[in-house]
N, C-alpha and C. Protein backbone atom coordinates (compact mmCIF):
# COMPACT_ATOMS: atom_id res chain seq x y z
N MET A 1 0.83 -1.19 0.00
CA MET A 1 0.00 0.00 0.00
C MET A 1 0.88 1.25 0.00
N LEU A 2 2.00 1.21 0.70
CA LEU A 2 2.88 2.37 0.75
C LEU A 2 3.46 2.68 -0.63
N ALA A 3 3.90 1.66 -1.34
CA ALA A 3 4.48 1.87 -2.68
C ALA A 3 3.44 2.46 -3.64
N VAL A 4 2.24 1.94 -3.60
CA VAL A 4 1.17 2.45 -4.46
C VAL A 4 0.82 3.88 -4.08
N THR A 5 0.83 4.18 -2.80
CA THR A 5 0.55 5.54 -2.33
C THR A 5 1.58 6.52 -2.88
N ILE A 6 2.84 6.16 -2.82
CA ILE A 6 3.90 7.05 -3.31
C ILE A 6 3.77 7.26 -4.81
N VAL A 7 3.60 6.18 -5.55
CA VAL A 7 3.49 6.28 -7.01
C VAL A 7 2.25 7.08 -7.40
N ALA A 8 1.12 6.81 -6.77
CA ALA A 8 -0.13 7.52 -7.10
C ALA A 8 -0.04 9.00 -6.75
N ALA A 9 0.54 9.32 -5.61
CA ALA A 9 0.67 10.73 -5.22
C ALA A 9 1.59 11.46 -6.20
N ARG A 10 2.68 10.84 -6.55
CA ARG A 10 3.62 11.47 -7.49
C ARG A 10 2.96 11.68 -8.85
N TRP A 11 2.29 10.66 -9.36
CA TRP A 11 1.64 10.77 -10.66
C TRP A 11 0.57 11.86 -10.64
N THR A 12 -0.24 11.90 -9.59
CA THR A 12 -1.33 12.86 -9.50
C THR A 12 -0.82 14.30 -9.39
N VAL A 13 0.17 14.50 -8.53
CA VAL A 13 0.73 15.85 -8.34
C VAL A 13 1.36 16.36 -9.64
N LEU A 14 2.10 15.50 -10.32
CA LEU A 14 2.75 15.92 -11.56
C LEU A 14 1.74 16.08 -12.70
N ARG A 15 0.82 15.16 -12.81
CA ARG A 15 -0.17 15.19 -13.90
C ARG A 15 -1.11 16.38 -13.80
N LEU A 16 -1.54 16.70 -12.58
CA LEU A 16 -2.50 17.78 -12.39
C LEU A 16 -1.85 19.12 -12.08
N SER A 17 -0.51 19.15 -12.03
CA SER A 17 0.24 20.38 -11.73
C SER A 17 -0.29 21.06 -10.47
N VAL A 18 -0.36 20.31 -9.41
CA VAL A 18 -0.86 20.83 -8.13
C VAL A 18 0.15 21.85 -7.60
N PRO A 19 -0.31 23.02 -7.16
CA PRO A 19 0.62 24.04 -6.65
C PRO A 19 1.48 23.51 -5.50
N MET A 20 2.65 24.10 -5.33
CA MET A 20 3.59 23.67 -4.31
C MET A 20 3.12 24.02 -2.88
N MET A 21 2.07 24.79 -2.75
CA MET A 21 1.58 25.17 -1.42
C MET A 21 1.13 23.92 -0.66
N TRP A 22 1.59 23.79 0.57
CA TRP A 22 1.26 22.59 1.36
C TRP A 22 -0.23 22.49 1.61
N SER A 23 -0.92 23.63 1.72
CA SER A 23 -2.36 23.59 2.00
C SER A 23 -3.13 22.98 0.82
N SER A 24 -2.73 23.30 -0.40
CA SER A 24 -3.38 22.73 -1.58
C SER A 24 -3.16 21.23 -1.65
N ARG A 25 -1.94 20.82 -1.37
CA ARG A 25 -1.62 19.40 -1.45
C ARG A 25 -2.25 18.61 -0.30
N LEU A 26 -2.31 19.21 0.86
CA LEU A 26 -2.96 18.54 1.99
C LEU A 26 -4.46 18.42 1.75
N ALA A 27 -5.05 19.44 1.15
CA ALA A 27 -6.48 19.37 0.81
C ALA A 27 -6.72 18.28 -0.22
N MET A 28 -5.83 18.16 -1.21
CA MET A 28 -5.96 17.11 -2.20
C MET A 28 -5.88 15.73 -1.55
N GLY A 29 -4.92 15.55 -0.65
CA GLY A 29 -4.79 14.28 0.06
C GLY A 29 -5.99 13.98 0.93
N GLY A 30 -6.53 15.01 1.57
CA GLY A 30 -7.72 14.82 2.41
C GLY A 30 -8.93 14.41 1.60
N ILE A 31 -9.10 15.03 0.43
CA ILE A 31 -10.21 14.66 -0.44
C ILE A 31 -10.05 13.22 -0.92
N ALA A 32 -8.82 12.86 -1.29
CA ALA A 32 -8.56 11.49 -1.74
C ALA A 32 -8.85 10.49 -0.63
N LEU A 33 -8.48 10.83 0.61
CA LEU A 33 -8.74 9.95 1.74
C LEU A 33 -10.24 9.78 1.97
N VAL A 34 -10.98 10.86 1.92
CA VAL A 34 -12.43 10.79 2.11
C VAL A 34 -13.07 9.92 1.03
N LEU A 35 -12.66 10.12 -0.22
CA LEU A 35 -13.22 9.31 -1.31
C LEU A 35 -12.87 7.83 -1.15
N MET A 36 -11.65 7.55 -0.70
CA MET A 36 -11.26 6.16 -0.51
C MET A 36 -12.06 5.52 0.63
N LEU A 37 -12.25 6.25 1.72
CA LEU A 37 -13.01 5.70 2.85
C LEU A 37 -14.48 5.51 2.49
N ILE A 38 -15.03 6.42 1.71
CA ILE A 38 -16.42 6.25 1.27
C ILE A 38 -16.55 4.99 0.43
N SER A 39 -15.60 4.80 -0.48
CA SER A 39 -15.68 3.59 -1.30
C SER A 39 -15.47 2.34 -0.47
N GLU A 40 -14.56 2.39 0.48
CA GLU A 40 -14.33 1.20 1.31
C GLU A 40 -15.53 0.89 2.19
N PHE A 41 -16.02 1.88 2.90
CA PHE A 41 -17.15 1.63 3.79
C PHE A 41 -18.42 1.33 3.01
N GLY A 42 -18.57 1.91 1.85
CA GLY A 42 -19.77 1.66 1.07
C GLY A 42 -19.72 0.35 0.31
N PHE A 43 -18.68 0.16 -0.47
CA PHE A 43 -18.62 -1.00 -1.36
C PHE A 43 -18.11 -2.25 -0.65
N VAL A 44 -17.00 -2.14 0.03
CA VAL A 44 -16.39 -3.33 0.66
C VAL A 44 -17.28 -3.88 1.76
N LEU A 45 -17.84 -3.03 2.57
CA LEU A 45 -18.71 -3.52 3.64
C LEU A 45 -19.96 -4.17 3.05
N TRP A 46 -20.45 -3.63 1.96
CA TRP A 46 -21.63 -4.21 1.30
C TRP A 46 -21.28 -5.59 0.74
N ILE A 47 -20.12 -5.71 0.09
CA ILE A 47 -19.70 -7.00 -0.49
C ILE A 47 -19.51 -8.04 0.61
N ARG A 48 -18.87 -7.64 1.72
CA ARG A 48 -18.60 -8.59 2.80
C ARG A 48 -19.80 -8.80 3.71
N GLY A 49 -20.81 -7.97 3.58
CA GLY A 49 -22.01 -8.11 4.40
C GLY A 49 -21.79 -7.74 5.86
N LEU A 50 -20.95 -6.74 6.11
CA LEU A 50 -20.65 -6.32 7.47
C LEU A 50 -21.21 -4.93 7.75
N SER A 51 -21.45 -4.67 9.03
CA SER A 51 -21.75 -3.30 9.45
C SER A 51 -20.41 -2.63 9.79
N ILE A 52 -20.43 -1.33 9.96
CA ILE A 52 -19.19 -0.63 10.32
C ILE A 52 -18.69 -1.11 11.67
N LYS A 53 -19.61 -1.36 12.60
CA LYS A 53 -19.22 -1.84 13.92
C LYS A 53 -18.53 -3.21 13.81
N GLU A 54 -19.08 -4.11 13.01
CA GLU A 54 -18.47 -5.43 12.81
C GLU A 54 -17.12 -5.31 12.11
N TYR A 55 -17.03 -4.39 11.18
CA TYR A 55 -15.78 -4.17 10.44
C TYR A 55 -14.64 -3.82 11.40
N PHE A 56 -14.89 -2.87 12.29
CA PHE A 56 -13.85 -2.47 13.24
C PHE A 56 -13.59 -3.55 14.29
N ALA A 57 -14.61 -4.31 14.66
CA ALA A 57 -14.45 -5.37 15.65
C ALA A 57 -13.62 -6.53 15.12
N THR A 58 -13.68 -6.77 13.81
CA THR A 58 -12.94 -7.90 13.23
C THR A 58 -11.53 -7.53 12.79
N ARG A 59 -11.13 -6.28 12.94
CA ARG A 59 -9.78 -5.86 12.56
C ARG A 59 -8.75 -6.42 13.53
N ASP A 60 -7.68 -6.97 12.98
CA ASP A 60 -6.55 -7.42 13.79
C ASP A 60 -5.86 -6.17 14.36
N PRO A 61 -5.48 -6.17 15.64
CA PRO A 61 -4.87 -4.97 16.23
C PRO A 61 -3.58 -4.51 15.53
N VAL A 62 -2.73 -5.44 15.14
CA VAL A 62 -1.46 -5.06 14.53
C VAL A 62 -1.66 -4.60 13.09
N SER A 63 -2.32 -5.42 12.29
CA SER A 63 -2.53 -5.02 10.90
C SER A 63 -3.48 -3.83 10.80
N GLY A 64 -4.42 -3.74 11.71
CA GLY A 64 -5.33 -2.59 11.74
C GLY A 64 -4.58 -1.30 12.02
N ALA A 65 -3.66 -1.33 12.98
CA ALA A 65 -2.88 -0.14 13.30
C ALA A 65 -2.00 0.26 12.12
N ALA A 66 -1.39 -0.72 11.46
CA ALA A 66 -0.57 -0.43 10.29
C ALA A 66 -1.43 0.17 9.18
N TYR A 67 -2.61 -0.36 8.99
CA TYR A 67 -3.52 0.14 7.96
C TYR A 67 -3.92 1.59 8.24
N TYR A 68 -4.27 1.89 9.48
CA TYR A 68 -4.68 3.26 9.82
C TYR A 68 -3.51 4.23 9.68
N LEU A 69 -2.31 3.79 10.03
CA LEU A 69 -1.12 4.63 9.85
C LEU A 69 -0.90 4.91 8.36
N LEU A 70 -1.07 3.89 7.53
CA LEU A 70 -0.91 4.09 6.09
C LEU A 70 -2.00 4.98 5.50
N LEU A 71 -3.17 4.99 6.10
CA LEU A 71 -4.20 5.92 5.64
C LEU A 71 -3.78 7.36 5.89
N ILE A 72 -3.14 7.61 7.03
CA ILE A 72 -2.64 8.95 7.34
C ILE A 72 -1.53 9.32 6.36
N VAL A 73 -0.63 8.38 6.10
CA VAL A 73 0.44 8.61 5.12
C VAL A 73 -0.16 8.89 3.74
N PHE A 74 -1.20 8.16 3.37
CA PHE A 74 -1.89 8.37 2.10
C PHE A 74 -2.39 9.81 1.98
N ALA A 75 -2.94 10.34 3.06
CA ALA A 75 -3.51 11.69 3.03
C ALA A 75 -2.43 12.78 2.96
N ILE A 76 -1.28 12.55 3.58
CA ILE A 76 -0.25 13.60 3.61
C ILE A 76 0.84 13.43 2.55
N MET A 77 0.85 12.33 1.84
CA MET A 77 1.91 12.07 0.86
C MET A 77 2.04 13.16 -0.21
N PRO A 78 0.96 13.74 -0.73
CA PRO A 78 1.14 14.79 -1.76
C PRO A 78 1.98 15.97 -1.28
N VAL A 79 2.01 16.22 0.02
CA VAL A 79 2.81 17.32 0.55
C VAL A 79 4.29 17.06 0.34
N PHE A 80 4.71 15.81 0.37
CA PHE A 80 6.12 15.46 0.31
C PHE A 80 6.62 15.21 -1.12
N ILE A 81 5.76 15.31 -2.11
CA ILE A 81 6.16 15.08 -3.50
C ILE A 81 6.61 16.40 -4.11
N SER A 82 7.77 16.37 -4.76
CA SER A 82 8.24 17.59 -5.43
C SER A 82 8.07 17.45 -6.93
N ARG A 83 8.16 18.54 -7.64
CA ARG A 83 7.98 18.53 -9.09
C ARG A 83 9.26 18.14 -9.82
N ALA A 84 10.35 18.10 -9.13
CA ALA A 84 11.64 17.83 -9.80
C ALA A 84 11.72 16.41 -10.31
């Protein structure tokens, strides 16, 4: 997930010519995170037949913590991408 996050953030920032301002890039990452969570909670939970409560209850503590940390990295990664 980390490798895909880096590649996707780099491609998006370069392709869309996102301004170097950290606020613009953080907003872009935040929007991407919201869209990803909507798709996960909407589509994945529907496919698996789980409620949100069951989803969080069935998460492994170690892999769940790593996943949540990577979600934060996903949201802030555009800030760390340069145009060079």
